[in-house]
Amino acid sequence: MSATLVIGGALLIAFYGVRIVLRRVFSALDNVPGPPRTSIVTGNLAQFHDPDDWGFQKQLEENYGGVVRILGFLGDRELYVFDPAALHTILVQEPDVYEQPPKYLALDCLMWGKGVFSTGLDEHRKYRKIMMPAFSTANLREMIPLFYDVAQQARDGLIAPNVTPTPQTLDLNSVLRRTALELIGRTGIGYSFDRMLPGEEQTDPYAESLRSLFPTAFKMQLLIPLLPLLVNNFPASFLRFMIPFIPLRPLHEMRHLVDLTDGKAAELVRDRKIAIQSGKQEVDDGKDIMSLLVKQNASAESGMHLTDAELVGCTSQIMFAATDTTSSSMNRLFHVLASYPDVQEKLRAEIIAVPEHLDYETLVALPYLDAVIREVLRLYPPASPVMFREAMTDGVLPLSTPITGVDGKVMNSIQVPKGTQIYIAIAAANHNKDIWGEDVLEFKPERWSNGRAESVTTKQCGIYGNTLTFLGGGRSCIGVNFAQLEMKVTTCVLLRAFKFSSPDPRIKWRKPGIMPSPFVDNEPSLPIFVERLKA
């Protein structure tokens, strides 16, 4: 190797080394107010990611403006954002500037291959265009009977045998997790994970792998910063092949779980394609999302076809994303209903005043049911407290409400350096007193009417009732209406049959990742007293 190359390489390394140091010592974000660091190495990250420290999030919401500077690894400046104008710029106006962080795209790509969650910009739009028709209102109408079948199975197999004739305290977390997984199994891929028979445990290996994926992925946090370098320079197939030679147990566990989910998804995609190509009417009439996706892909315009590997990746990503978010939302919903008996009784009265099995239009038009679910999802978004973006170039964030900088000067906008990690503060946006009023943290379904909170005058860029629960812009949740239907049908079926009360006072909501879950004595659990109503 020539001396010139050695000197050039050393200078390049020195240049980037100095640049990294300077970013951590001097930053345009130093004038943005924020909490003091608690660690020289991890900054505020230990507080932020503490599964029990909800107080730090509340501090960020209440003590600073709509954009807060927090300190990351080795003092890296990061932004926690819930100002409406700044969020609109990030999510809607300039999504190519504030993109999904490459490290998280790389993790999804390593796990699933290319798909709707693991790609950015134009590639993401391609996958989204193929997938969106499967979530159309017309298709959701056809899924209503499947939702009812699963909810009734949970009622008759998981709850009724345990509370007849004597009321009991049941762990609803177990019931609702099984229900959520069966709902996405039946309606998402036309596959049953769980017969939900009395006394029968769930043993499907595919179900177990889906349930374990998120906790295992969270154990890999230390590896995530390295993933863009690896994935951008080596094929995902080669990286998976090399995993057994890396002495990291979470990585081995992740590979095993992904292989299980991908294997099952590949089998299901293959069966759907064969059935459709052979003209089997009973499968061609399948109403699940995978069947619709396979059919949509078969008739896609030139250049929009997905390969079998991409179909498998998209299917696995849907299953992974929907499982924990749905169970978290339904756990929170029934915890709230048990805690507010007057709300539960008013909601039950609305439900029993209509037929037991409702069509799509009647179900979505029930006003108090819609209000209760909107308020639960506003106060307690399932993907909380944040989602992530990264500044791909230098940018500027305008502010709806000016903030006072550390130097005492008023700031109407913030200069954002390239590479800045941005936290889309979903819960903080939903709890913003400037938008929702002083009673923002109170559970008040009455604030909603016809899908709108009438007292709210400041518009946010979210796609769901002025909240950020399902985000906004080009990467907003494609399953927003699907998720609401799951919750509404399950609520109608269970409230018609049971009364829920006296939640265990030891229940503690923790955030071991980005999905809040109920725990008792450090074990996932939601003990609630359940009694069967007289017919």
Protein backbone atom coordinates (compact mmCIF):
# COMPACT_ATOMS: atom_id res chain seq x y z
CA MET A 1 0.00 0.00 0.00
CA SER A 2 1.45 3.41 -0.99
CA ALA A 3 2.29 6.09 1.55
CA THR A 4 -0.19 8.39 -0.21
CA LEU A 5 -3.08 6.00 0.41
CA VAL A 6 -2.10 5.55 4.06
CA ILE A 7 -1.85 9.31 4.61
CA GLY A 8 -5.13 9.88 2.75
CA GLY A 9 -6.92 7.24 4.81
CA ALA A 10 -5.55 8.68 8.05
CA LEU A 11 -6.67 12.18 7.09
CA LEU A 12 -10.14 10.92 6.19
CA ILE A 13 -10.47 9.14 9.54
CA ALA A 14 -9.18 12.24 11.37
CA PHE A 15 -11.65 14.46 9.49
CA TYR A 16 -14.67 12.36 10.45
CA GLY A 17 -13.36 11.89 13.99
CA VAL A 18 -13.05 15.64 14.49
CA ARG A 19 -16.48 16.14 12.92
CA ILE A 20 -18.08 13.69 15.37
CA VAL A 21 -16.35 15.34 18.34
CA LEU A 22 -17.39 18.82 17.24
CA ARG A 23 -21.01 17.70 16.83
CA ARG A 24 -20.95 16.64 20.46
CA VAL A 25 -19.14 19.72 21.78
CA PHE A 26 -20.69 22.48 19.64
CA SER A 27 -24.19 22.26 18.19
CA ALA A 28 -26.79 24.61 16.74
CA LEU A 29 -29.24 22.89 19.08
CA ASP A 30 -27.49 24.05 22.26
CA ASN A 31 -29.85 27.04 22.48
CA VAL A 32 -32.93 24.79 22.58
CA PRO A 33 -34.00 24.31 26.23
CA GLY A 34 -33.95 20.81 27.67
CA PRO A 35 -33.26 18.78 30.81
CA PRO A 36 -29.73 18.39 32.19
CA ARG A 37 -27.92 15.15 31.42
CA THR A 38 -27.85 12.44 34.07
CA SER A 39 -24.85 10.65 32.57
CA ILE A 40 -21.79 11.77 30.62
CA VAL A 41 -22.02 8.64 28.46
CA THR A 42 -25.78 8.11 27.99
CA GLY A 43 -27.07 11.66 28.53
CA ASN A 44 -30.84 11.47 29.13
CA LEU A 45 -31.31 8.09 27.43
CA ALA A 46 -31.41 6.04 30.64
CA GLN A 47 -34.32 8.16 31.90
CA PHE A 48 -36.08 8.14 28.55
CA HIS A 49 -35.89 4.36 28.09
CA ASP A 50 -36.56 3.45 31.73
CA PRO A 51 -39.70 1.27 31.45
CA ASP A 52 -41.09 2.73 34.68
CA ASP A 53 -40.09 6.39 34.34
CA TRP A 54 -43.24 8.03 32.98
CA GLY A 55 -42.32 11.11 35.02
CA PHE A 56 -39.48 12.05 32.65
CA GLN A 57 -41.86 12.06 29.69
CA LYS A 58 -44.30 14.23 31.71
CA GLN A 59 -41.42 16.60 32.55
CA LEU A 60 -40.64 17.00 28.83
CA GLU A 61 -44.31 17.67 28.06
CA GLU A 62 -44.89 20.27 30.78
CA ASN A 63 -41.62 22.11 31.51
CA TYR A 64 -40.41 23.10 28.04
CA GLY A 65 -41.84 24.17 24.70
CA GLY A 66 -43.08 22.02 21.83
CA VAL A 67 -39.51 21.17 20.84
CA VAL A 68 -37.15 19.96 23.59
CA ARG A 69 -33.43 19.22 23.37
CA ILE A 70 -32.41 15.98 25.02
CA LEU A 71 -28.94 14.49 25.18
CA GLY A 72 -28.13 11.13 23.63
CA PHE A 73 -25.06 8.92 23.56
CA LEU A 74 -21.84 10.87 24.34
CA GLY A 75 -23.77 14.13 24.41
CA ASP A 76 -25.31 13.90 20.92
CA ARG A 77 -28.09 16.50 20.66
CA GLU A 78 -31.52 15.06 19.87
CA LEU A 79 -34.97 16.66 19.58
CA TYR A 80 -38.23 15.66 21.25
CA VAL A 81 -40.95 17.25 19.10
CA PHE A 82 -44.67 17.85 19.65
CA ASP A 83 -45.14 21.38 18.27
CA PRO A 84 -47.88 21.16 15.55
CA ALA A 85 -46.04 23.21 12.91
CA ALA A 86 -42.79 21.32 13.45
CA LEU A 87 -44.59 17.97 13.22
CA HIS A 88 -46.32 19.04 10.01
CA THR A 89 -42.94 19.90 8.49
CA ILE A 90 -41.41 16.58 9.56
CA LEU A 91 -44.27 14.23 8.64
CA VAL A 92 -46.09 15.96 5.77
CA GLN A 93 -44.22 18.86 4.21
CA GLU A 94 -40.63 17.55 4.14
CA PRO A 95 -40.70 13.77 4.70
CA ASP A 96 -37.66 13.36 2.43
CA VAL A 97 -35.65 15.57 4.81
CA TYR A 98 -36.88 13.88 8.00
CA GLU A 99 -36.85 10.19 7.09
CA GLN A 100 -37.10 7.00 9.09
CA PRO A 101 -33.64 6.55 10.68
CA PRO A 102 -31.42 4.31 8.52
CA LYS A 103 -30.52 2.19 11.56
CA TYR A 104 -34.17 1.20 12.10
CA LEU A 105 -34.79 0.63 8.39
CA ALA A 106 -31.70 -1.57 8.42
CA LEU A 107 -32.99 -3.57 11.40
CA ASP A 108 -36.33 -4.19 9.66
CA CYS A 109 -34.54 -5.07 6.42
CA LEU A 110 -32.25 -7.53 8.23
CA MET A 111 -35.24 -9.13 9.95
CA TRP A 112 -37.81 -9.22 7.13
CA GLY A 113 -36.15 -8.16 3.92
CA LYS A 114 -37.65 -5.33 1.88
CA GLY A 115 -41.19 -4.27 2.72
CA VAL A 116 -43.44 -1.41 3.74
CA PHE A 117 -41.65 -0.83 7.08
CA SER A 118 -38.06 -1.42 5.97
CA THR A 119 -37.79 0.97 3.03
CA GLY A 120 -37.81 4.72 2.56
CA LEU A 121 -39.15 7.28 0.13
CA ASP A 122 -40.11 5.89 -3.31
CA GLU A 123 -39.72 2.22 -2.36
CA HIS A 124 -42.00 2.71 0.64
CA ARG A 125 -44.60 4.39 -1.58
CA LYS A 126 -44.53 1.40 -3.92
CA TYR A 127 -45.27 -1.10 -1.14
CA ARG A 128 -47.89 1.18 0.34
CA LYS A 129 -49.69 1.54 -3.01
CA ILE A 130 -49.87 -2.24 -3.39
CA MET A 131 -51.09 -2.77 0.19
CA MET A 132 -53.60 0.07 0.63
CA PRO A 133 -56.50 -1.55 -1.32
CA ALA A 134 -56.53 -4.47 1.14
CA PHE A 135 -57.44 -1.96 3.89
CA SER A 136 -60.19 -0.23 1.91
CA THR A 137 -63.65 0.31 3.39
CA ALA A 138 -65.13 -2.17 0.92
CA ASN A 139 -62.78 -4.92 2.12
CA LEU A 140 -63.22 -4.04 5.79
CA ARG A 141 -67.00 -4.45 5.38
CA GLU A 142 -66.37 -8.03 4.29
CA MET A 143 -64.20 -8.74 7.33
CA ILE A 144 -66.83 -7.86 9.95
CA PRO A 145 -68.07 -11.49 10.30
CA LEU A 146 -64.49 -12.65 10.95
CA PHE A 147 -64.10 -10.05 13.71
CA TYR A 148 -67.33 -11.24 15.31
CA ASP A 149 -66.34 -14.91 15.09
CA VAL A 150 -63.08 -14.30 16.96
CA ALA A 151 -64.61 -12.03 19.62
CA GLN A 152 -67.34 -14.60 20.30
CA GLN A 153 -64.75 -17.36 20.58
CA ALA A 154 -62.95 -15.31 23.22
CA ARG A 155 -66.23 -14.67 25.04
CA ASP A 156 -67.34 -18.31 25.07
CA GLY A 157 -63.98 -20.04 25.41
CA LEU A 158 -61.70 -17.79 27.44
CA ILE A 159 -64.03 -15.79 29.73
CA ALA A 160 -67.46 -17.38 30.19
CA PRO A 161 -66.25 -20.78 31.54
CA ASN A 162 -64.26 -18.97 34.26
CA VAL A 163 -67.04 -16.69 35.52
CA THR A 164 -70.06 -18.99 35.37
CA PRO A 165 -71.79 -19.19 37.78
CA THR A 166 -69.40 -17.39 40.16
CA PRO A 167 -67.76 -14.06 39.21
CA GLN A 168 -63.96 -14.16 39.29
CA THR A 169 -60.92 -11.97 38.92
CA LEU A 170 -59.38 -12.86 35.55
CA ASP A 171 -56.11 -11.89 33.92
CA LEU A 172 -57.54 -10.02 30.93
CA ASN A 173 -54.05 -9.47 29.53
CA SER A 174 -53.84 -13.16 28.70
CA VAL A 175 -57.36 -13.17 27.24
CA LEU A 176 -56.88 -10.02 25.16
CA ARG A 177 -53.43 -10.96 23.87
CA ARG A 178 -54.80 -14.25 22.59
CA THR A 179 -57.81 -12.46 21.12
CA ALA A 180 -55.65 -9.83 19.38
CA LEU A 181 -53.38 -12.47 17.86
CA GLU A 182 -56.30 -14.55 16.62
CA LEU A 183 -57.94 -11.43 15.17
CA ILE A 184 -54.89 -10.55 13.10
CA GLY A 185 -54.37 -14.22 12.23
CA ARG A 186 -57.86 -14.75 10.87
CA THR A 187 -58.32 -11.36 9.22
CA GLY A 188 -54.68 -10.75 8.30
CA ILE A 189 -53.53 -14.06 6.84
CA GLY A 190 -56.54 -16.39 6.98
CA TYR A 191 -54.82 -18.54 9.60
CA SER A 192 -56.07 -19.61 13.03
CA PHE A 193 -53.52 -19.57 15.85
CA ASP A 194 -55.83 -20.52 18.66
CA ARG A 195 -59.10 -22.43 18.96
CA MET A 196 -59.67 -20.60 22.27
CA LEU A 197 -61.35 -23.61 23.86
CA PRO A 198 -61.92 -23.73 27.64
CA GLY A 199 -58.81 -24.92 29.47
CA GLU A 200 -56.73 -25.16 26.29
CA GLU A 201 -53.51 -23.17 26.13
CA GLN A 202 -52.17 -21.51 23.01
CA THR A 203 -49.31 -23.63 21.66
CA ASP A 204 -48.92 -22.58 18.00
CA PRO A 205 -45.17 -22.01 17.37
CA TYR A 206 -45.92 -19.22 14.89
CA ALA A 207 -47.99 -17.43 17.54
CA GLU A 208 -45.22 -17.85 20.11
CA SER A 209 -42.63 -16.43 17.71
CA LEU A 210 -44.75 -13.35 16.95
CA ARG A 211 -45.32 -12.78 20.66
CA SER A 212 -41.60 -12.98 21.39
CA LEU A 213 -40.30 -10.88 18.49
CA PHE A 214 -40.69 -7.42 19.96
CA PRO A 215 -39.11 -8.13 23.37
CA THR A 216 -36.22 -9.87 21.62
CA ALA A 217 -35.74 -7.02 19.14
CA PHE A 218 -35.59 -4.56 22.02
CA LYS A 219 -32.67 -6.50 23.52
CA MET A 220 -30.70 -5.65 20.37
CA GLN A 221 -30.63 -1.89 21.01
CA LEU A 222 -26.83 -1.80 21.31
CA LEU A 223 -26.44 -3.36 17.85
CA ILE A 224 -28.83 -1.00 16.05
CA PRO A 225 -26.31 1.83 15.40
CA LEU A 226 -24.07 -0.65 13.52
CA LEU A 227 -26.80 -1.98 11.23
CA PRO A 228 -26.72 0.65 8.43
CA LEU A 229 -22.99 0.00 7.92
CA LEU A 230 -23.59 -3.76 7.75
CA VAL A 231 -26.79 -3.83 5.71
CA ASN A 232 -25.57 -1.23 3.20
CA ASN A 233 -22.41 -3.22 2.47
CA PHE A 234 -23.55 -6.85 2.72
CA PRO A 235 -26.66 -8.71 1.50
CA ALA A 236 -29.18 -9.48 4.26
CA SER A 237 -28.92 -13.19 3.37
CA PHE A 238 -25.15 -13.14 4.06
CA LEU A 239 -25.65 -11.31 7.37
CA ARG A 240 -28.22 -13.88 8.47
CA PHE A 241 -25.80 -16.66 7.53
CA MET A 242 -23.10 -15.04 9.70
CA ILE A 243 -25.31 -14.63 12.79
CA PRO A 244 -24.44 -18.07 14.32
CA PHE A 245 -20.78 -17.04 14.41
CA ILE A 246 -21.50 -13.87 16.43
CA PRO A 247 -21.55 -14.61 20.19
CA LEU A 248 -24.68 -12.58 20.99
CA ARG A 249 -27.68 -14.56 22.28
CA PRO A 250 -30.40 -11.98 21.41
CA LEU A 251 -29.19 -12.02 17.82
CA HIS A 252 -29.49 -15.82 17.70
CA GLU A 253 -32.96 -15.67 19.27
CA MET A 254 -34.04 -13.06 16.75
CA ARG A 255 -32.86 -15.11 13.80
CA HIS A 256 -34.73 -18.17 15.07
CA LEU A 257 -37.97 -16.22 15.57
CA VAL A 258 -37.77 -14.48 12.20
CA ASP A 259 -37.06 -17.80 10.46
CA LEU A 260 -40.23 -19.21 12.04
CA THR A 261 -42.42 -16.26 11.02
CA ASP A 262 -40.92 -16.00 7.53
CA GLY A 263 -41.27 -19.75 7.00
CA LYS A 264 -44.95 -19.69 7.88
CA ALA A 265 -45.58 -16.53 5.85
CA ALA A 266 -43.82 -18.09 2.83
CA GLU A 267 -45.99 -21.20 3.14
CA LEU A 268 -49.17 -19.13 3.31
CA VAL A 269 -48.21 -16.89 0.38
CA ARG A 270 -47.37 -19.95 -1.73
CA ASP A 271 -50.71 -21.60 -0.90
CA ARG A 272 -52.65 -18.43 -1.77
CA LYS A 273 -50.90 -18.06 -5.12
CA ILE A 274 -51.50 -21.70 -6.05
CA ALA A 275 -55.16 -21.48 -5.02
CA ILE A 276 -55.77 -18.30 -6.99
CA GLN A 277 -53.93 -19.57 -10.08
CA SER A 278 -55.86 -22.84 -10.00
CA GLY A 279 -59.18 -21.02 -9.65
CA LYS A 280 -60.24 -22.49 -6.32
CA GLN A 281 -63.28 -20.39 -5.57
CA GLU A 282 -63.24 -20.78 -1.78
CA VAL A 283 -59.74 -19.34 -1.53
CA ASP A 284 -60.20 -16.82 -4.30
CA ASP A 285 -63.05 -15.43 -2.18
CA GLY A 286 -60.75 -15.10 0.84
CA LYS A 287 -61.36 -11.87 2.73
CA ASP A 288 -58.13 -11.83 4.72
CA ILE A 289 -55.51 -9.18 3.98
CA MET A 290 -52.95 -11.63 2.58
CA SER A 291 -55.39 -13.09 0.05
CA LEU A 292 -56.37 -9.59 -1.03
CA LEU A 293 -52.71 -8.57 -1.23
CA VAL A 294 -51.79 -11.58 -3.38
CA LYS A 295 -54.71 -10.90 -5.72
CA GLN A 296 -53.87 -7.18 -5.88
CA ASN A 297 -50.27 -7.99 -6.69
CA ALA A 298 -51.28 -10.43 -9.46
CA SER A 299 -53.12 -7.65 -11.28
CA ALA A 300 -50.70 -4.82 -10.47
CA GLU A 301 -49.50 -2.53 -13.24
CA SER A 302 -46.09 -2.98 -14.79
CA GLY A 303 -43.24 -2.21 -12.40
CA MET A 304 -45.45 -2.54 -9.32
CA HIS A 305 -45.35 -6.32 -8.88
CA LEU A 306 -43.87 -7.66 -5.64
CA THR A 307 -41.68 -10.74 -5.62
CA ASP A 308 -42.61 -13.68 -3.42
CA ALA A 309 -39.89 -12.60 -0.97
CA GLU A 310 -41.39 -9.10 -0.81
CA LEU A 311 -44.89 -10.52 -0.26
CA VAL A 312 -43.51 -12.64 2.58
CA GLY A 313 -41.74 -9.62 4.08
CA CYS A 314 -44.84 -7.43 3.91
CA THR A 315 -46.99 -10.17 5.43
CA SER A 316 -44.61 -10.77 8.33
CA GLN A 317 -44.29 -7.05 8.98
CA ILE A 318 -48.08 -6.62 9.13
CA MET A 319 -48.39 -9.49 11.59
CA PHE A 320 -45.55 -8.20 13.75
CA ALA A 321 -46.81 -4.60 13.83
CA ALA A 322 -50.47 -5.41 14.46
CA THR A 323 -50.08 -8.00 17.23
CA ASP A 324 -48.65 -5.91 20.07
CA THR A 325 -50.36 -2.62 19.18
CA THR A 326 -53.81 -4.24 19.21
CA SER A 327 -53.29 -6.11 22.47
CA SER A 328 -51.89 -2.97 24.13
CA SER A 329 -54.88 -0.90 23.00
CA MET A 330 -57.47 -3.45 24.10
CA ASN A 331 -55.76 -3.97 27.46
CA ARG A 332 -55.89 -0.23 28.08
CA LEU A 333 -59.50 0.01 26.89
CA PHE A 334 -60.79 -2.63 29.32
CA HIS A 335 -58.67 -1.28 32.17
CA VAL A 336 -60.29 2.12 31.59
CA LEU A 337 -63.80 0.65 31.35
CA ALA A 338 -63.31 -1.23 34.62
CA SER A 339 -62.04 1.97 36.25
CA TYR A 340 -64.96 4.13 35.03
CA PRO A 341 -68.19 2.18 35.76
CA ASP A 342 -70.43 5.07 34.66
CA VAL A 343 -68.76 5.13 31.24
CA GLN A 344 -69.07 1.35 30.99
CA GLU A 345 -72.78 1.41 31.81
CA LYS A 346 -73.52 4.20 29.33
CA LEU A 347 -71.60 2.35 26.64
CA ARG A 348 -73.34 -0.95 27.41
CA ALA A 349 -76.73 0.77 27.11
CA GLU A 350 -75.82 1.97 23.62
CA ILE A 351 -74.62 -1.50 22.62
CA ILE A 352 -77.64 -3.48 23.83
CA ALA A 353 -80.00 -1.01 22.15
CA VAL A 354 -78.86 -2.25 18.72
CA PRO A 355 -78.81 -5.76 17.18
CA GLU A 356 -76.09 -8.14 18.37
CA HIS A 357 -74.44 -8.41 14.95
CA LEU A 358 -73.92 -5.08 13.23
CA ASP A 359 -72.89 -4.24 9.71
CA TYR A 360 -69.97 -1.91 9.05
CA GLU A 361 -71.99 1.30 8.69
CA THR A 362 -74.00 0.78 11.89
CA LEU A 363 -70.96 -0.24 13.91
CA VAL A 364 -68.83 2.78 12.98
CA ALA A 365 -71.81 5.11 13.55
CA LEU A 366 -72.32 4.21 17.23
CA PRO A 367 -71.46 7.62 18.72
CA TYR A 368 -70.50 6.79 22.30
CA LEU A 369 -68.50 3.69 21.33
CA ASP A 370 -66.56 5.82 18.86
CA ALA A 371 -66.02 8.56 21.47
CA VAL A 372 -64.76 6.13 24.13
CA ILE A 373 -62.28 4.50 21.77
CA ARG A 374 -61.03 7.83 20.42
CA GLU A 375 -60.45 9.11 23.95
CA VAL A 376 -58.61 5.95 25.01
CA LEU A 377 -56.40 6.12 21.92
CA ARG A 378 -55.76 9.84 22.49
CA LEU A 379 -54.77 9.48 26.14
CA TYR A 380 -52.96 6.16 25.75
CA PRO A 381 -51.56 5.69 22.23
CA PRO A 382 -50.31 2.11 21.77
CA ALA A 383 -47.00 3.12 20.13
CA SER A 384 -45.82 5.39 22.90
CA PRO A 385 -44.16 7.63 23.85
CA VAL A 386 -42.42 8.18 20.49
CA MET A 387 -41.61 7.18 16.95
CA PHE A 388 -38.32 8.18 15.30
CA ARG A 389 -37.05 10.27 12.41
CA GLU A 390 -33.60 11.53 11.38
CA ALA A 391 -32.58 14.69 9.53
CA MET A 392 -31.10 13.53 6.21
CA THR A 393 -29.91 17.08 5.42
CA ASP A 394 -29.74 20.35 7.32
CA GLY A 395 -33.28 21.61 7.88
CA VAL A 396 -35.45 24.21 9.59
CA LEU A 397 -38.40 23.47 11.86
CA PRO A 398 -40.98 26.30 12.15
CA LEU A 399 -42.82 26.59 15.47
CA SER A 400 -46.53 27.16 16.10
CA THR A 401 -45.66 28.56 19.52
CA PRO A 402 -42.31 30.35 19.87
CA ILE A 403 -39.95 29.15 22.59
CA THR A 404 -37.40 31.09 24.62
CA GLY A 405 -33.87 29.90 23.99
CA VAL A 406 -31.21 29.29 26.58
CA ASP A 407 -29.78 32.72 25.66
CA GLY A 408 -33.11 34.37 26.53
CA LYS A 409 -34.07 35.19 22.94
CA VAL A 410 -37.38 34.16 21.40
CA MET A 411 -37.10 31.43 18.74
CA ASN A 412 -39.73 31.14 15.97
CA SER A 413 -37.89 28.30 14.23
CA ILE A 414 -35.06 25.87 14.92
CA GLN A 415 -32.07 25.07 12.70
CA VAL A 416 -31.70 21.28 12.59
CA PRO A 417 -28.26 19.89 11.63
CA LYS A 418 -28.00 16.85 9.37
CA GLY A 419 -27.94 13.60 11.34
CA THR A 420 -30.10 14.86 14.23
CA GLN A 421 -32.22 12.14 15.81
CA ILE A 422 -35.84 13.30 16.19
CA TYR A 423 -38.43 11.85 18.53
CA ILE A 424 -41.98 12.19 17.20
CA ALA A 425 -43.63 12.67 20.61
CA ILE A 426 -46.99 11.02 19.97
CA ALA A 427 -48.26 11.04 23.55
CA ALA A 428 -47.04 14.60 24.16
CA ALA A 429 -48.87 15.84 21.04
CA ASN A 430 -52.02 14.13 22.29
CA HIS A 431 -51.55 15.72 25.74
CA ASN A 432 -50.74 19.25 24.54
CA LYS A 433 -52.73 21.70 26.69
CA ASP A 434 -52.42 24.41 24.04
CA ILE A 435 -54.52 22.18 21.77
CA TRP A 436 -56.75 20.16 24.08
CA GLY A 437 -57.25 22.49 27.05
CA GLU A 438 -56.50 22.31 30.75
CA ASP A 439 -58.47 19.06 31.15
CA VAL A 440 -56.22 17.32 28.61
CA LEU A 441 -55.21 14.50 30.99
CA GLU A 442 -58.77 13.74 32.07
CA PHE A 443 -60.60 10.80 30.47
CA LYS A 444 -63.61 12.54 28.89
CA PRO A 445 -65.32 10.73 26.01
CA GLU A 446 -67.80 13.62 25.92
CA ARG A 447 -65.17 15.82 24.29
CA TRP A 448 -65.78 13.87 21.03
CA SER A 449 -68.69 14.29 18.61
CA ASN A 450 -68.89 12.86 15.09
CA GLY A 451 -65.23 11.93 15.19
CA ARG A 452 -64.08 15.40 16.23
CA ALA A 453 -63.12 17.05 19.50
CA GLU A 454 -65.28 20.15 19.07
CA SER A 455 -63.39 22.34 21.55
CA VAL A 456 -60.14 21.91 19.61
CA THR A 457 -59.25 24.74 17.23
CA THR A 458 -55.56 24.06 16.54
CA LYS A 459 -55.12 21.49 13.78
CA GLN A 460 -52.47 18.76 13.96
CA CYS A 461 -51.26 16.69 11.02
CA GLY A 462 -52.41 13.32 12.41
CA ILE A 463 -54.84 11.22 10.39
CA TYR A 464 -57.06 10.27 13.36
CA GLY A 465 -59.19 12.88 15.09
CA ASN A 466 -56.46 15.53 15.33
CA THR A 467 -54.27 13.12 17.30
CA LEU A 468 -50.86 11.69 16.42
CA THR A 469 -51.87 8.18 17.53
CA PHE A 470 -51.61 6.81 13.98
CA LEU A 471 -49.10 9.46 12.84
CA GLY A 472 -49.63 11.53 9.70
CA GLY A 473 -48.21 11.98 6.24
CA GLY A 474 -46.86 9.34 3.89
CA ARG A 475 -45.82 6.90 6.64
CA SER A 476 -49.05 7.08 8.64
CA CYS A 477 -50.55 3.79 9.78
CA ILE A 478 -52.33 2.02 6.91
CA GLY A 479 -54.29 -0.10 9.39
CA VAL A 480 -56.00 2.75 11.27
CA ASN A 481 -59.58 1.70 10.38
CA PHE A 482 -58.74 -1.98 10.75
CA ALA A 483 -57.51 -1.37 14.32
CA GLN A 484 -60.66 0.54 15.26
CA LEU A 485 -62.89 -2.25 13.97
CA GLU A 486 -61.02 -4.84 16.05
CA MET A 487 -61.58 -2.77 19.18
CA LYS A 488 -65.20 -1.91 18.43
CA VAL A 489 -66.35 -5.45 17.66
CA THR A 490 -64.54 -6.91 20.68
CA THR A 491 -66.04 -4.25 22.96
CA CYS A 492 -69.58 -4.83 21.66
CA VAL A 493 -69.36 -8.60 22.12
CA LEU A 494 -67.79 -8.57 25.59
CA LEU A 495 -69.77 -5.69 27.14
CA ARG A 496 -73.04 -7.30 26.07
CA ALA A 497 -72.11 -10.41 28.07
CA PHE A 498 -69.97 -9.26 31.03
CA LYS A 499 -69.44 -6.52 33.57
CA PHE A 500 -65.84 -5.53 34.29
CA SER A 501 -64.91 -3.89 37.61
CA SER A 502 -62.40 -3.56 40.47
CA PRO A 503 -59.10 -3.59 38.58
CA ASP A 504 -56.27 -4.80 40.81
CA PRO A 505 -54.65 -1.70 42.41
CA ARG A 506 -51.23 -3.26 41.85
CA ILE A 507 -51.55 -2.95 38.06
CA LYS A 508 -48.68 -0.86 36.77
CA TRP A 509 -48.28 0.21 33.15
CA ARG A 510 -44.72 -0.15 31.94
CA LYS A 511 -43.05 0.61 28.60
CA PRO A 512 -40.49 -2.14 27.94
CA GLY A 513 -39.92 -0.76 24.44
CA ILE A 514 -42.51 1.40 22.68
CA MET A 515 -45.59 -0.71 23.52
CA PRO A 516 -46.98 0.04 27.01
CA SER A 517 -48.15 -3.11 28.81
CA PRO A 518 -49.85 -3.85 32.16
CA PHE A 519 -47.77 -5.57 34.84
CA VAL A 520 -48.33 -6.88 38.36
CA ASP A 521 -45.21 -7.66 40.41
CA ASN A 522 -43.05 -7.40 37.25
CA GLU A 523 -45.15 -9.99 35.38
CA PRO A 524 -47.46 -9.09 32.46
CA SER A 525 -50.96 -9.18 33.91
CA LEU A 526 -54.26 -7.27 33.98
CA PRO A 527 -56.37 -8.71 36.86
CA ILE A 528 -59.96 -7.42 36.63
CA PHE A 529 -63.13 -8.67 38.31
CA VAL A 530 -65.54 -10.13 35.73
CA GLU A 531 -69.15 -11.18 36.21
CA ARG A 532 -71.58 -12.59 33.68
CA LEU A 533 -74.67 -10.53 32.97
CA LYS A 534 -78.08 -12.13 32.95
CA ALA A 535 -79.41 -12.74 29.47
